[in-house]
Protein backbone atom coordinates (compact mmCIF):
# COMPACT_ATOMS: atom_id res chain seq x y z
CA MET A 1 5.80 17.64 14.89
CA GLN A 2 3.62 14.49 15.74
CA LYS A 3 5.47 11.01 15.94
CA GLY A 4 4.49 7.75 13.94
CA ILE A 5 5.57 4.54 12.22
CA VAL A 6 6.12 3.63 8.76
CA SER A 7 3.44 1.03 8.11
CA TRP A 8 3.51 1.36 4.44
CA VAL A 9 5.87 2.22 1.34
CA ASP A 10 4.94 1.74 -2.34
CA PRO A 11 7.97 -0.15 -4.27
CA GLU A 12 8.92 3.61 -5.79
CA GLY A 13 9.45 4.90 -2.29
CA GLN A 14 7.40 7.89 -3.28
CA ARG A 15 4.24 7.18 -1.11
CA GLY A 16 3.10 5.47 1.33
CA MET A 17 1.42 5.33 5.14
CA VAL A 18 2.44 6.46 8.73
CA ARG A 19 0.59 5.10 11.70
CA VAL A 20 0.15 8.17 14.12
CA GLN A 21 -0.74 7.28 17.77
CA GLY A 22 -4.00 6.36 18.31
CA GLY A 23 -3.64 3.57 15.44
CA HIS A 24 -4.98 5.65 12.34
CA ASP A 25 -2.67 5.76 9.24
CA LEU A 26 -1.89 9.07 7.22
CA PRO A 27 -0.61 9.11 3.75
CA PHE A 28 2.79 10.76 2.83
CA ASP A 29 4.43 11.22 -0.11
CA ALA A 30 8.51 11.41 -0.33
CA ALA A 31 7.99 14.65 -2.71
CA ASP A 32 6.70 16.43 0.41
CA SER A 33 9.66 15.94 3.19
CA PRO A 34 13.35 17.46 3.16
CA GLY A 35 16.00 15.57 1.28
CA ARG A 36 13.14 13.26 -0.61
CA ALA A 37 13.26 11.43 2.62
CA ARG A 38 13.73 7.40 1.83
CA VAL A 39 11.54 5.82 4.46
CA ARG A 40 10.90 2.08 5.32
CA PRO A 41 8.36 -0.06 7.06
CA GLY A 42 9.00 0.05 10.60
CA ASP A 43 10.66 3.00 10.77
CA HIS A 44 10.03 6.04 13.26
CA VAL A 45 9.22 9.21 11.99
CA ALA A 46 8.54 12.95 12.93
CA PHE A 47 6.08 15.11 10.44
CA ASP A 48 3.59 17.84 10.28
CA VAL A 49 -0.20 17.20 9.23
CA MET A 50 -1.60 19.37 6.91
CA GLN A 51 -5.49 19.21 6.33
CA THR A 52 -6.60 18.85 2.82
CA PRO A 53 -9.67 18.09 0.64
CA ALA A 54 -9.17 15.00 0.44
CA GLY A 55 -8.38 14.47 4.16
CA PRO A 56 -5.37 14.97 6.55
CA VAL A 57 -1.93 13.89 5.17
CA ALA A 58 2.03 13.86 6.79
CA LEU A 59 4.26 16.13 5.28
CA ASN A 60 7.86 16.86 6.77
CA LEU A 61 8.32 13.52 7.40
CA ILE A 62 12.11 13.07 9.31
CA ARG A 63 12.98 9.48 10.10
CA LYS A 64 14.26 9.35 13.83
CA PRO A 65 17.01 7.06 15.32
């Protein structure tokens, strides 16, 4: 799993972006996370990366203390 910080979440909390080490952002959809993870900007998370036709995405987000 990779680690990063949530940089943006839409107002409904369903989609957002994770800033990974190295400075680039990956999109995520809460529906692709265990328990439909509710995260906020600034939360530290661990996640898997999956390559899609549109590019890499973060999935299986787990909030870290």
